Amino acid sequence: MPFLELEGKPDLENNPRELVGDVVVGSGSQATWRVSGSDLAARHFRIALSNGSAQLIPASPQNVVVLNGAQVPTDGAPLSTGDVVAAGQARFVFLKDLNAPRPRPVTEMPEAHLIDVTNRKGYTLRRRVVQIGREIGCSIVLKDPTVSRFHADVRAEGGQFVLYAMGSSGTKVNGEPAVAPRLLREGDQITMGDTTFTFSSLAMPPGIRAVQFEDHEDDAFSRKNTQLAQKAITSEHGKYGRSTKKQQFPLIPVILCAAVVVIALMLYLVFRHH
């Protein structure tokens, strides 16, 4: 009977877990094996057993599951004893029996960078989530009007780094649209607007300035875009509606003065005849 073992949790009840039928692993109440505190989706992946074989299948195209360092396709991948399954911040080992040898545990994430060759900057991915976009609060700020405010995330997940495209204007990896979360591989070219990053876990190339966080001293660009949009809206409203009200305000004193003059003239004529 096969088992699934959660690494680093020797005191966890029912770990290793015996696999019977289809087993769903996730953080939600509907999961067969509920694992909390590991950044798993409610139903992250399942293991289907059939005729002595096991198949690992992501529960959703948006769930990244890594098998022996490679991203599992949406239609699944076969499992063999000793295989390592990584998801979220958790790492599992598939075992055909409890006496099977275990692989050596991984204690820390590898170091990796996003390298902007054009601007000679290298961003070290030391945060669990690195946000990229036009918004000043992002880890990497791109001063590009074609980039969304929150354009993409690079997340430490499954023991590696995964790209999540968030912006409506699109993100490309090696020229292809990133329509689903994607495990980054050495040398991947990630394009956002006019900026292209190279993903690398190698040493920073010569001539590239290491940047831990983006310089946020000048936030005029992110604010300027918003102000320009507001001005355009105000101008448009003024053309068809609001400007009419504003033009009416100077007429009020003129109308009042004219009324006073008319009343005074009428009173003068009345008293003159008397």
Protein backbone atom coordinates (compact mmCIF):
# COMPACT_ATOMS: atom_id res chain seq x y z
CA MET A 1 0.00 0.00 0.00
CA PRO A 2 1.51 3.41 -0.99
CA PHE A 3 2.04 6.31 1.40
CA LEU A 4 2.50 10.07 1.21
CA GLU A 5 4.85 11.61 3.77
CA LEU A 6 4.94 15.30 4.67
CA GLU A 7 8.55 16.30 5.28
CA GLY A 8 9.51 18.09 8.47
CA LYS A 9 6.37 17.00 10.38
CA PRO A 10 7.33 13.76 12.18
CA ASP A 11 4.88 14.42 15.01
CA LEU A 12 1.92 15.15 12.75
CA GLU A 13 -0.91 12.69 13.25
CA ASN A 14 -1.37 10.17 10.44
CA ASN A 15 1.93 11.14 8.78
CA PRO A 16 2.96 9.27 6.63
CA ARG A 17 -0.58 8.91 5.29
CA GLU A 18 -1.74 5.68 3.74
CA LEU A 19 -3.25 6.30 0.30
CA VAL A 20 -6.55 4.62 -0.46
CA GLY A 21 -8.49 5.50 -3.61
CA ASP A 22 -8.35 9.17 -4.59
CA VAL A 23 -6.70 11.38 -1.96
CA VAL A 24 -7.09 15.18 -2.17
CA VAL A 25 -4.44 17.28 -0.40
CA GLY A 26 -5.16 20.90 0.51
CA SER A 27 -5.95 23.36 3.27
CA GLY A 28 -9.75 23.26 3.05
CA SER A 29 -12.36 21.18 4.80
CA GLN A 30 -13.10 19.21 1.61
CA ALA A 31 -9.55 17.90 1.35
CA THR A 32 -8.96 14.25 2.26
CA TRP A 33 -5.69 15.25 3.91
CA ARG A 34 -5.97 18.75 5.32
CA VAL A 35 -2.59 20.47 5.70
CA SER A 36 -2.67 23.95 7.22
CA GLY A 37 0.01 26.63 7.39
CA SER A 38 1.72 25.64 4.15
CA ASP A 39 0.14 28.04 1.60
CA LEU A 40 -1.88 25.30 -0.05
CA ALA A 41 -5.13 25.93 -1.88
CA ALA A 42 -8.30 24.48 -0.37
CA ARG A 43 -7.98 21.57 -2.84
CA HIS A 44 -4.42 21.76 -4.15
CA PHE A 45 -3.72 18.38 -5.75
CA ARG A 46 -4.95 14.82 -5.74
CA ILE A 47 -3.39 11.41 -6.07
CA ALA A 48 -5.46 8.89 -7.99
CA LEU A 49 -4.70 5.19 -7.53
CA SER A 50 -5.63 2.68 -10.19
CA ASN A 51 -4.40 -0.88 -10.79
CA GLY A 52 -1.31 -0.39 -8.68
CA SER A 53 -0.26 2.88 -10.31
CA ALA A 54 -0.52 6.41 -8.92
CA GLN A 55 -1.21 9.63 -10.81
CA LEU A 56 -0.50 13.14 -9.42
CA ILE A 57 -2.99 15.72 -10.69
CA PRO A 58 -3.30 19.45 -9.84
CA ALA A 59 -6.82 20.22 -8.59
CA SER A 60 -6.91 23.41 -10.70
CA PRO A 61 -4.86 24.97 -13.54
CA GLN A 62 -4.12 27.79 -11.08
CA ASN A 63 -2.47 25.41 -8.59
CA VAL A 64 1.24 24.85 -9.10
CA VAL A 65 2.46 21.36 -8.20
CA VAL A 66 6.11 20.41 -8.64
CA LEU A 67 7.25 16.82 -9.14
CA ASN A 68 11.01 16.23 -8.80
CA GLY A 69 11.68 19.84 -9.79
CA ALA A 70 9.34 20.01 -12.80
CA GLN A 71 5.87 21.55 -12.96
CA VAL A 72 3.11 18.96 -13.21
CA PRO A 73 0.86 19.49 -16.28
CA THR A 74 -2.86 19.91 -15.78
CA ASP A 75 -3.55 16.35 -16.95
CA GLY A 76 -1.18 14.93 -14.34
CA ALA A 77 1.98 12.85 -14.10
CA PRO A 78 2.74 9.31 -12.87
CA LEU A 79 4.31 8.76 -9.45
CA SER A 80 7.13 6.39 -8.50
CA THR A 81 8.47 5.55 -5.05
CA GLY A 82 10.80 8.22 -3.70
CA ASP A 83 9.29 10.98 -5.86
CA VAL A 84 9.21 14.43 -4.26
CA VAL A 85 5.98 16.42 -4.55
CA ALA A 86 6.24 20.13 -3.68
CA ALA A 87 3.28 22.49 -3.36
CA GLY A 88 3.00 25.83 -1.61
CA GLN A 89 5.55 25.70 1.22
CA ALA A 90 5.10 21.95 1.75
CA ARG A 91 7.18 19.04 0.45
CA PHE A 92 5.89 15.47 0.29
CA VAL A 93 7.51 12.13 -0.54
CA PHE A 94 5.61 9.37 -2.32
CA LEU A 95 6.49 5.91 -0.96
CA LYS A 96 5.46 2.47 -2.15
CA ASP A 97 6.16 1.21 1.38
CA LEU A 98 7.36 2.73 4.66
CA ASN A 99 10.79 1.09 4.39
CA ALA A 100 11.60 2.79 1.08
CA PRO A 101 14.57 5.23 1.21
CA ARG A 102 13.77 8.94 1.53
CA PRO A 103 15.53 11.71 -0.42
CA ARG A 104 17.57 14.26 1.49
CA PRO A 105 15.35 17.11 2.82
CA VAL A 106 15.77 20.60 1.40
CA THR A 107 16.22 23.16 4.17
CA GLU A 108 16.22 26.45 2.25
CA MET A 109 15.21 28.05 -1.04
CA PRO A 110 17.85 28.52 -3.72
CA GLU A 111 18.89 32.09 -4.47
CA ALA A 112 17.64 33.54 -7.74
CA HIS A 113 17.45 36.89 -9.50
CA LEU A 114 15.45 38.88 -12.02
CA ILE A 115 18.00 40.68 -14.18
CA ASP A 116 17.12 43.81 -16.14
CA VAL A 117 20.03 43.89 -18.59
CA THR A 118 18.93 47.15 -20.25
CA ASN A 119 19.01 49.12 -16.98
CA ARG A 120 21.83 46.98 -15.52
CA LYS A 121 19.83 46.03 -12.42
CA GLY A 122 19.53 42.67 -10.70
CA TYR A 123 16.74 42.01 -8.21
CA THR A 124 17.41 39.22 -5.72
CA LEU A 125 14.26 37.21 -4.98
CA ARG A 126 14.52 37.09 -1.20
CA ARG A 127 10.87 37.77 -0.44
CA ARG A 128 8.24 35.07 -0.52
CA VAL A 129 6.20 37.28 -2.85
CA VAL A 130 7.81 39.88 -5.12
CA GLN A 131 5.25 42.22 -6.70
CA ILE A 132 6.03 43.91 -10.02
CA GLY A 133 4.04 46.80 -11.43
CA ARG A 134 3.55 50.53 -11.79
CA GLU A 135 2.20 51.01 -8.25
CA ILE A 136 4.73 52.61 -5.90
CA GLY A 137 4.13 49.91 -3.27
CA CYS A 138 5.43 47.11 -5.54
CA SER A 139 8.80 45.50 -4.84
CA ILE A 140 9.87 46.28 -8.41
CA VAL A 141 8.37 49.48 -9.82
CA LEU A 142 8.21 49.87 -13.61
CA LYS A 143 7.70 53.44 -14.81
CA ASP A 144 5.85 52.39 -17.92
CA PRO A 145 2.27 53.49 -18.77
CA THR A 146 1.64 50.17 -20.56
CA VAL A 147 2.28 48.21 -17.34
CA SER A 148 -0.57 47.58 -14.89
CA ARG A 149 -0.38 48.91 -11.35
CA PHE A 150 -0.03 45.34 -10.06
CA HIS A 151 1.26 43.53 -13.11
CA ALA A 152 2.80 40.25 -11.91
CA ASP A 153 4.02 38.33 -8.86
CA VAL A 154 7.00 36.05 -8.49
CA ARG A 155 6.36 33.72 -5.56
CA ALA A 156 8.59 31.27 -3.75
CA GLU A 157 6.51 28.14 -4.11
CA GLY A 158 7.09 24.43 -4.42
CA GLY A 159 10.75 24.92 -3.52
CA GLN A 160 11.24 27.12 -6.60
CA PHE A 161 9.91 30.35 -8.12
CA VAL A 162 6.57 30.73 -9.88
CA LEU A 163 5.37 33.62 -12.06
CA TYR A 164 1.76 34.76 -11.67
CA ALA A 165 0.59 37.23 -14.34
CA MET A 166 -1.85 39.70 -12.75
CA GLY A 167 -2.02 42.69 -15.12
CA SER A 168 -4.61 43.09 -17.86
CA SER A 169 -1.98 44.28 -20.37
CA GLY A 170 -0.26 40.91 -20.40
CA THR A 171 3.01 39.23 -19.50
CA LYS A 172 5.09 37.04 -21.80
CA VAL A 173 7.63 34.33 -21.03
CA ASN A 174 10.01 33.56 -23.89
CA GLY A 175 7.58 35.34 -26.21
CA GLU A 176 4.53 33.35 -25.15
CA PRO A 177 1.62 34.85 -23.13
CA ALA A 178 1.66 33.72 -19.49
CA VAL A 179 -1.98 32.68 -19.15
CA ALA A 180 -1.46 30.42 -16.10
CA PRO A 181 1.02 30.27 -13.20
CA ARG A 182 4.38 29.18 -14.56
CA LEU A 183 7.42 27.65 -12.92
CA LEU A 184 10.45 29.74 -13.89
CA ARG A 185 13.46 28.02 -15.40
CA GLU A 186 17.03 29.19 -15.86
CA GLY A 187 17.29 31.83 -18.60
CA ASP A 188 13.55 32.49 -18.98
CA GLN A 189 12.87 35.89 -20.59
CA ILE A 190 9.95 37.65 -18.87
CA THR A 191 8.52 40.64 -20.75
CA MET A 192 6.28 43.27 -19.15
CA GLY A 193 5.63 46.34 -21.26
CA ASP A 194 9.01 47.66 -22.45
CA THR A 195 10.98 45.77 -19.78
CA THR A 196 12.45 42.29 -20.13
CA PHE A 197 13.80 40.38 -17.13
CA THR A 198 16.02 37.33 -17.28
CA PHE A 199 15.40 34.77 -14.55
CA SER A 200 18.61 33.21 -13.24
CA SER A 201 19.78 31.26 -10.21
CA LEU A 202 23.42 31.77 -11.19
CA ALA A 203 25.73 34.44 -9.81
CA MET A 204 24.91 38.04 -10.74
CA PRO A 205 26.61 38.92 -14.06
CA PRO A 206 29.41 41.52 -14.09
CA GLY A 207 28.23 45.08 -14.55
CA ILE A 208 24.80 44.40 -13.03
CA ARG A 209 23.95 46.42 -9.92
CA ALA A 210 22.34 44.29 -7.22
CA VAL A 211 19.05 45.83 -6.03
CA GLN A 212 17.18 44.35 -3.08
CA PHE A 213 14.27 46.79 -3.28
CA GLU A 214 13.34 49.36 -5.89
CA ASP A 215 14.22 53.01 -5.26
CA HIS A 216 10.94 54.69 -4.29
CA GLU A 217 12.17 58.27 -3.83
CA ASP A 218 10.34 59.54 -6.91
CA ASP A 219 6.73 58.40 -6.95
CA ALA A 220 5.61 61.16 -9.32
CA PHE A 221 5.02 58.74 -12.17
CA SER A 222 2.42 56.55 -10.45
CA ARG A 223 0.63 59.63 -9.12
CA LYS A 224 0.93 61.54 -12.37
CA ASN A 225 -0.99 58.93 -14.33
CA THR A 226 -3.88 59.10 -11.88
CA GLN A 227 -3.91 62.90 -11.99
CA LEU A 228 -3.91 62.94 -15.78
CA ALA A 229 -6.91 60.61 -15.84
CA GLN A 230 -8.78 62.81 -13.39
CA LYS A 231 -8.07 65.91 -15.49
CA ALA A 232 -9.36 64.20 -18.60
CA ILE A 233 -12.58 63.22 -16.83
CA THR A 234 -13.07 66.75 -15.42
CA SER A 235 -12.51 68.28 -18.84
CA GLU A 236 -14.97 65.90 -20.44
CA HIS A 237 -17.63 66.57 -17.81
CA GLY A 238 -17.08 70.26 -18.18
CA LYS A 239 -17.70 70.03 -21.89
CA TYR A 240 -21.09 68.38 -21.54
CA GLY A 241 -22.36 69.09 -18.06
CA ARG A 242 -20.34 70.49 -15.20
CA SER A 243 -18.92 73.43 -17.14
CA THR A 244 -22.49 74.59 -17.80
CA LYS A 245 -23.09 74.87 -14.06
CA LYS A 246 -19.81 76.71 -13.59
CA GLN A 247 -20.74 79.16 -16.34
CA GLN A 248 -24.10 79.80 -14.69
CA PHE A 249 -22.57 81.00 -11.42
CA PRO A 250 -21.24 84.36 -12.83
CA LEU A 251 -24.71 85.11 -14.31
CA ILE A 252 -26.44 85.12 -10.92
CA PRO A 253 -25.08 88.51 -9.75
CA VAL A 254 -25.94 90.00 -13.16
CA ILE A 255 -29.51 88.74 -12.94
CA LEU A 256 -29.89 90.04 -9.40
CA CYS A 257 -28.59 93.47 -10.38
CA ALA A 258 -30.95 93.62 -13.35
CA ALA A 259 -33.90 92.69 -11.11
CA VAL A 260 -32.98 95.43 -8.63
CA VAL A 261 -32.78 97.98 -11.43
CA VAL A 262 -36.17 96.94 -12.82
CA ILE A 263 -37.83 97.10 -9.38
CA ALA A 264 -36.28 100.50 -8.68
CA LEU A 265 -37.47 101.84 -12.03
CA MET A 266 -41.00 100.58 -11.41
CA LEU A 267 -41.10 102.17 -7.97
CA TYR A 268 -39.82 105.43 -9.43
CA LEU A 269 -42.55 105.47 -12.06
CA VAL A 270 -45.26 104.66 -9.47
CA PHE A 271 -44.21 107.42 -7.09
CA ARG A 272 -43.73 109.91 -9.92
CA HIS A 273 -47.36 109.54 -11.04
CA HIS A 274 -48.49 110.05 -7.45
